Amino acid sequence: MTERKVISLTGNRKAKRVPNVADDAASALALPVFEPGWVWLVGAGPGDPGLLTLHALNALKQADIVVYDALVDEAVLQFVRPGAKLEYSGKRGGKPSPKQRDISARLIELARTGKRVLRLKGGDPFVFGRGGEEALALVDAGIPFRLVPGVTAGVGGLGYAGIPVTHRDINHAVTFVTGHMAGGTVPENLDWPSIAKGSPVIVLYMALSHLGAIAQLLIANGRRAGEPVALVRNATLKDQQVLETTLGSAAADVARADFKAPAIIVIGDVVRLREGLDWLGALEGRILKRDPLNARTKKDVG
């Protein structure tokens, strides 16, 4: 069964400046000072500005220049201090975009001019965000840096869809997998037999364009064609969409629904829990199922 549902988050997507809140938090928690010549690698989370950390907000209020990615929502950028410069360096699949070495070189160049450089990335910089590559480039150039982790879409984005990445009745392990290699190809060099057999739940990043090939690899290595799959587009944002399908039908359903990137994909029985945990859907009137796994029925029978 395929479901396509647009979920409207409550409230206004446009963030209003809250300088007093940020200033009070920075003072009360003794948050760090952003020194000139430093680069801070900051995770902006999956989109909803409410998921910014206090460290991220503190960085936005001090930075001289913000070098931001394509997945950083415009509402987050409204927290940048007045007078700070915004510089786009987004990388989007299939579109002209700056090379990674050029982005790293730009960070170094800006830091050497004495700027407070904030490298703002969607999600978490160290989860398929190339933050490690940029940090190593800074180390090689002798540029001091700080890491500010962010909420990754594979956890927070799925949470907004009512899907937990772990549940003790389903899985005690989860595997995060990139959906394409640096050149945009299917990651065929991964140990797909081990992934297919060893991980009850698989979360795929940047995998929409290769979903059909990845599904075939997983099914060929033992996954059920009927296994539940969910795709979450624009996770945590006002125009979030959730598509529920199965592993064998996923690629066809994506094409039929004209489901576009960016999307996070989860494979496994945790998707079934959405019937009981779709908290955003409940705000719009969906009746949640108290026992989505039918666990009580099984206990009664046993």
Protein backbone atom coordinates (compact mmCIF):
# COMPACT_ATOMS: atom_id res chain seq x y z
CA MET A 1 0.00 0.00 0.00
CA THR A 2 1.39 3.38 -1.00
CA GLU A 3 0.74 6.52 0.97
CA ARG A 4 1.67 10.03 -0.03
CA LYS A 5 0.87 12.62 2.54
CA VAL A 6 1.83 16.25 2.88
CA ILE A 7 2.26 17.24 6.49
CA SER A 8 2.01 20.90 7.45
CA LEU A 9 4.01 21.78 10.53
CA THR A 10 2.29 24.07 12.96
CA GLY A 11 3.46 27.65 13.08
CA ASN A 12 5.28 29.84 10.59
CA ARG A 13 8.27 28.50 8.68
CA LYS A 14 9.82 31.99 8.73
CA ALA A 15 11.93 32.26 11.85
CA LYS A 16 11.76 35.48 13.83
CA ARG A 17 14.89 36.83 15.42
CA VAL A 18 15.14 36.05 19.12
CA PRO A 19 18.34 37.85 20.13
CA ASN A 20 17.45 38.07 23.82
CA VAL A 21 16.93 34.32 24.08
CA ALA A 22 20.23 33.62 22.36
CA ASP A 23 22.11 36.21 24.39
CA ASP A 24 20.67 34.93 27.66
CA ALA A 25 21.59 31.35 26.78
CA ALA A 26 25.11 32.30 25.74
CA SER A 27 25.62 34.16 29.00
CA ALA A 28 24.04 31.55 31.27
CA LEU A 29 25.86 28.61 29.70
CA ALA A 30 29.16 30.40 29.06
CA LEU A 31 29.05 29.40 25.40
CA PRO A 32 32.36 29.81 23.56
CA VAL A 33 33.54 32.99 21.89
CA PHE A 34 34.02 32.75 18.13
CA GLU A 35 37.58 33.98 17.66
CA PRO A 36 38.80 35.70 14.46
CA GLY A 37 40.64 33.37 12.10
CA TRP A 38 38.72 30.31 13.25
CA VAL A 39 36.40 28.08 11.22
CA TRP A 40 33.43 26.50 12.95
CA LEU A 41 31.91 23.46 11.21
CA VAL A 42 28.28 23.62 12.29
CA GLY A 43 25.37 21.26 11.77
CA ALA A 44 22.10 23.07 11.05
CA GLY A 45 19.95 19.98 11.56
CA PRO A 46 17.45 18.58 9.04
CA GLY A 47 15.62 21.87 8.44
CA ASP A 48 13.27 22.96 11.21
CA PRO A 49 15.09 25.90 12.88
CA GLY A 50 13.79 24.72 16.24
CA LEU A 51 16.22 21.81 15.97
CA LEU A 52 19.26 24.09 15.98
CA THR A 53 21.51 23.55 18.98
CA LEU A 54 22.41 26.44 21.27
CA HIS A 55 25.99 26.13 20.06
CA ALA A 56 24.79 26.54 16.45
CA LEU A 57 22.71 29.59 17.36
CA ASN A 58 25.65 31.04 19.24
CA ALA A 59 27.84 30.57 16.17
CA LEU A 60 25.30 32.24 13.87
CA LYS A 61 25.20 35.29 16.13
CA GLN A 62 28.98 35.76 16.04
CA ALA A 63 30.14 34.74 12.57
CA ASP A 64 31.48 37.26 10.06
CA ILE A 65 30.72 35.03 7.10
CA VAL A 66 28.49 31.98 6.74
CA VAL A 67 29.38 29.49 4.00
CA TYR A 68 26.24 27.40 3.74
CA ASP A 69 25.03 24.30 1.93
CA ALA A 70 21.99 23.63 -0.27
CA LEU A 71 20.18 21.73 2.48
CA VAL A 72 20.28 24.62 4.96
CA ASP A 73 16.76 26.03 5.17
CA GLU A 74 16.27 29.76 4.65
CA ALA A 75 14.60 30.06 8.05
CA VAL A 76 17.86 29.07 9.73
CA LEU A 77 19.75 31.81 7.91
CA GLN A 78 17.58 34.48 9.50
CA PHE A 79 19.46 33.94 12.75
CA VAL A 80 22.70 35.23 11.18
CA ARG A 81 23.78 38.45 12.88
CA PRO A 82 23.20 41.73 11.03
CA GLY A 83 26.18 42.62 8.87
CA ALA A 84 27.40 39.07 8.39
CA LYS A 85 27.96 37.87 4.83
CA LEU A 86 26.23 34.82 3.37
CA GLU A 87 28.07 32.71 0.80
CA TYR A 88 26.35 29.80 -0.92
CA SER A 89 28.38 26.66 -1.60
CA GLY A 90 25.68 24.09 -2.14
CA LYS A 91 26.28 20.75 -3.83
CA ARG A 92 23.22 19.25 -5.50
CA GLY A 93 23.20 16.04 -7.50
CA GLY A 94 23.09 16.57 -11.26
CA LYS A 95 23.56 20.33 -11.03
CA PRO A 96 26.67 22.51 -11.39
CA SER A 97 28.24 22.89 -7.97
CA PRO A 98 31.60 23.80 -6.44
CA LYS A 99 34.17 21.07 -6.04
CA GLN A 100 34.98 19.95 -2.53
CA ARG A 101 38.61 21.05 -2.75
CA ASP A 102 37.47 24.53 -3.80
CA ILE A 103 35.13 24.79 -0.82
CA SER A 104 37.93 23.76 1.56
CA ALA A 105 40.31 26.24 -0.08
CA ARG A 106 37.72 29.00 0.32
CA LEU A 107 37.34 28.30 4.04
CA ILE A 108 41.11 28.52 4.46
CA GLU A 109 41.29 31.73 2.43
CA LEU A 110 38.58 33.42 4.49
CA ALA A 111 40.05 32.33 7.82
CA ARG A 112 43.47 33.72 6.85
CA THR A 113 41.91 37.15 6.41
CA GLY A 114 40.91 37.07 10.07
CA LYS A 115 37.23 36.32 9.50
CA ARG A 116 35.09 34.28 11.84
CA VAL A 117 34.06 31.64 9.31
CA LEU A 118 30.97 29.53 9.92
CA ARG A 119 30.69 26.50 7.63
CA LEU A 120 26.99 25.66 7.92
CA LYS A 121 25.85 22.21 6.82
CA GLY A 122 22.48 20.53 6.77
CA GLY A 123 22.16 17.74 9.34
CA ASP A 124 25.45 16.85 11.01
CA PRO A 125 28.82 17.75 9.41
CA PHE A 126 30.29 14.34 10.20
CA VAL A 127 27.38 12.24 8.87
CA PHE A 128 27.81 12.04 5.08
CA GLY A 129 28.50 15.78 5.16
CA ARG A 130 32.19 15.83 4.19
CA GLY A 131 32.90 17.67 7.40
CA GLY A 132 35.81 15.37 8.10
CA GLU A 133 37.40 16.25 4.74
CA GLU A 134 37.04 19.96 5.40
CA ALA A 135 38.36 19.66 8.95
CA LEU A 136 41.44 17.78 7.77
CA ALA A 137 42.07 20.47 5.15
CA LEU A 138 41.93 23.07 7.91
CA VAL A 139 44.34 21.09 10.05
CA ASP A 140 46.72 20.77 7.11
CA ALA A 141 46.59 24.54 6.61
CA GLY A 142 47.08 25.29 10.30
CA ILE A 143 43.60 26.81 10.71
CA PRO A 144 41.97 26.32 14.14
CA PHE A 145 38.46 24.88 14.03
CA ARG A 146 35.56 23.79 16.20
CA LEU A 147 32.92 21.16 15.45
CA VAL A 148 29.29 21.77 16.35
CA PRO A 149 27.28 18.56 15.77
CA GLY A 150 23.74 18.76 14.44
CA VAL A 151 20.65 16.58 14.35
CA THR A 152 21.05 14.23 11.40
CA ALA A 153 18.12 13.58 9.06
CA GLY A 154 18.45 9.82 9.55
CA VAL A 155 17.33 10.28 13.15
CA GLY A 156 15.52 13.62 13.44
CA GLY A 157 13.93 13.54 10.00
CA LEU A 158 12.53 10.08 10.56
CA GLY A 159 11.35 11.15 14.00
CA TYR A 160 9.22 13.88 12.38
CA ALA A 161 7.68 11.15 10.22
CA GLY A 162 6.82 9.10 13.31
CA ILE A 163 9.45 6.45 12.61
CA PRO A 164 12.00 5.55 15.31
CA VAL A 165 15.30 4.20 14.03
CA THR A 166 15.40 1.69 16.88
CA HIS A 167 12.71 -0.20 18.78
CA ARG A 168 13.48 -3.07 21.09
CA ASP A 169 10.75 -5.28 19.61
CA ILE A 170 12.21 -4.86 16.11
CA ASN A 171 15.90 -3.98 16.04
CA HIS A 172 18.95 -3.51 18.20
CA ALA A 173 21.07 -2.26 15.34
CA VAL A 174 20.74 0.22 12.48
CA THR A 175 23.01 0.83 9.49
CA PHE A 176 23.45 4.23 7.83
CA VAL A 177 24.42 3.96 4.17
CA THR A 178 25.23 6.55 1.52
CA GLY A 179 23.20 6.14 -1.66
CA HIS A 180 25.91 7.25 -4.06
CA MET A 181 29.66 7.54 -4.28
CA ALA A 182 31.63 10.75 -4.85
CA GLY A 183 31.18 10.44 -8.61
CA GLY A 184 27.43 9.89 -8.30
CA THR A 185 27.50 6.14 -8.95
CA VAL A 186 25.78 3.36 -7.01
CA PRO A 187 28.01 2.32 -4.07
CA GLU A 188 28.52 -1.22 -5.36
CA ASN A 189 31.79 -1.57 -3.46
CA LEU A 190 29.92 -1.81 -0.17
CA ASP A 191 29.45 -5.20 1.44
CA TRP A 192 25.80 -5.49 0.45
CA PRO A 193 25.44 -9.14 1.54
CA SER A 194 26.50 -8.20 5.07
CA ILE A 195 24.31 -5.10 5.11
CA ALA A 196 21.31 -7.03 3.83
CA LYS A 197 21.71 -9.91 6.27
CA GLY A 198 23.13 -8.13 9.29
CA SER A 199 21.07 -4.97 9.76
CA PRO A 200 17.37 -5.12 10.63
CA VAL A 201 17.01 -1.43 9.75
CA ILE A 202 18.83 0.42 6.97
CA VAL A 203 18.78 4.19 6.56
CA LEU A 204 19.82 5.52 3.16
CA TYR A 205 21.12 9.02 2.56
CA MET A 206 21.16 10.62 -0.91
CA ALA A 207 19.84 7.42 -2.46
CA LEU A 208 16.72 8.46 -4.34
CA SER A 209 18.24 8.35 -7.83
CA HIS A 210 19.71 4.88 -7.21
CA LEU A 211 16.86 3.41 -5.16
CA GLY A 212 15.92 0.82 -7.78
CA ALA A 213 19.46 -0.52 -8.06
CA ILE A 214 19.95 -0.54 -4.28
CA ALA A 215 16.65 -2.36 -3.76
CA GLN A 216 17.72 -5.01 -6.25
CA LEU A 217 21.05 -5.45 -4.47
CA LEU A 218 19.31 -5.87 -1.12
CA ILE A 219 16.68 -8.30 -2.43
CA ALA A 220 19.35 -10.32 -4.25
CA ASN A 221 21.12 -10.67 -0.91
CA GLY A 222 18.15 -11.84 1.10
CA ARG A 223 15.86 -8.91 1.94
CA ARG A 224 12.13 -9.41 1.45
CA ALA A 225 10.57 -7.62 -1.51
CA GLY A 226 7.58 -6.90 0.73
CA GLU A 227 9.66 -5.28 3.49
CA PRO A 228 8.29 -1.87 4.55
CA VAL A 229 10.05 1.23 3.23
CA ALA A 230 9.40 4.90 3.94
CA LEU A 231 10.79 7.95 2.20
CA VAL A 232 10.68 11.34 3.89
CA ARG A 233 11.09 14.36 1.64
CA ASN A 234 12.00 17.79 3.05
CA ALA A 235 12.04 16.24 6.49
CA THR A 236 10.93 18.48 9.37
CA LEU A 237 9.87 21.31 7.04
CA LYS A 238 6.43 22.70 6.30
CA ASP A 239 6.25 20.81 2.99
CA GLN A 240 7.41 17.48 4.39
CA GLN A 241 6.09 14.49 2.48
CA VAL A 242 6.10 10.84 3.50
CA LEU A 243 5.82 8.00 1.01
CA GLU A 244 5.24 4.52 2.40
CA THR A 245 5.90 1.57 0.12
CA THR A 246 7.79 -1.73 0.01
CA LEU A 247 11.31 -2.61 -1.05
CA GLY A 248 10.20 -4.32 -4.24
CA SER A 249 7.83 -1.51 -5.25
CA ALA A 250 9.77 1.50 -3.98
CA ALA A 251 11.39 2.63 -7.24
CA ALA A 252 8.16 2.36 -9.22
CA ASP A 253 6.15 4.13 -6.51
CA VAL A 254 8.69 6.96 -6.36
CA ALA A 255 8.43 7.45 -10.12
CA ARG A 256 4.63 7.23 -10.04
CA ALA A 257 4.38 9.80 -7.24
CA ASP A 258 7.04 12.05 -8.83
CA PHE A 259 8.76 12.01 -5.45
CA LYS A 260 11.78 14.33 -5.54
CA ALA A 261 14.98 14.78 -3.53
CA PRO A 262 16.05 15.61 -0.93
CA ALA A 263 14.75 12.56 0.87
CA ILE A 264 15.86 10.21 3.63
CA ILE A 265 14.91 6.55 3.17
CA VAL A 266 14.39 3.89 5.83
CA ILE A 267 14.03 0.16 5.21
CA GLY A 268 12.72 -2.17 7.90
CA ASP A 269 9.82 -3.05 10.12
CA VAL A 270 10.21 0.16 12.15
CA VAL A 271 8.21 1.78 9.33
CA ARG A 272 5.17 -0.10 10.63
CA LEU A 273 5.36 1.91 13.84
CA ARG A 274 4.30 5.01 11.96
CA GLU A 275 0.70 3.86 12.29
CA GLY A 276 1.01 4.52 16.01
CA LEU A 277 3.64 7.26 16.14
CA ASP A 278 2.73 9.72 13.37
CA TRP A 279 2.47 12.57 15.86
CA LEU A 280 2.29 15.25 13.16
CA GLY A 281 -0.51 13.38 11.45
CA ALA A 282 -2.31 13.18 14.79
CA LEU A 283 -2.21 16.98 15.02
CA GLU A 284 -4.22 17.01 11.80
CA GLY A 285 -6.72 14.42 12.97
CA ARG A 286 -5.16 11.05 12.18
CA ILE A 287 -6.23 8.37 14.65
CA LEU A 288 -3.13 6.60 15.84
CA LYS A 289 -3.07 2.84 16.25
CA ARG A 290 -2.29 1.83 19.84
CA ASP A 291 -0.63 -1.45 18.88
CA PRO A 292 0.90 -1.05 15.40
CA LEU A 293 2.99 -4.21 15.76
CA ASN A 294 0.06 -6.28 17.03
CA ALA A 295 2.25 -7.21 19.97
CA ARG A 296 -0.63 -7.49 22.41
CA THR A 297 -2.48 -9.86 20.11
CA LYS A 298 0.59 -12.09 19.83
CA LYS A 299 0.99 -12.13 23.62
CA ASP A 300 -2.66 -13.01 24.09
CA VAL A 301 -2.36 -15.88 21.59
CA GLY A 302 0.85 -17.08 23.26
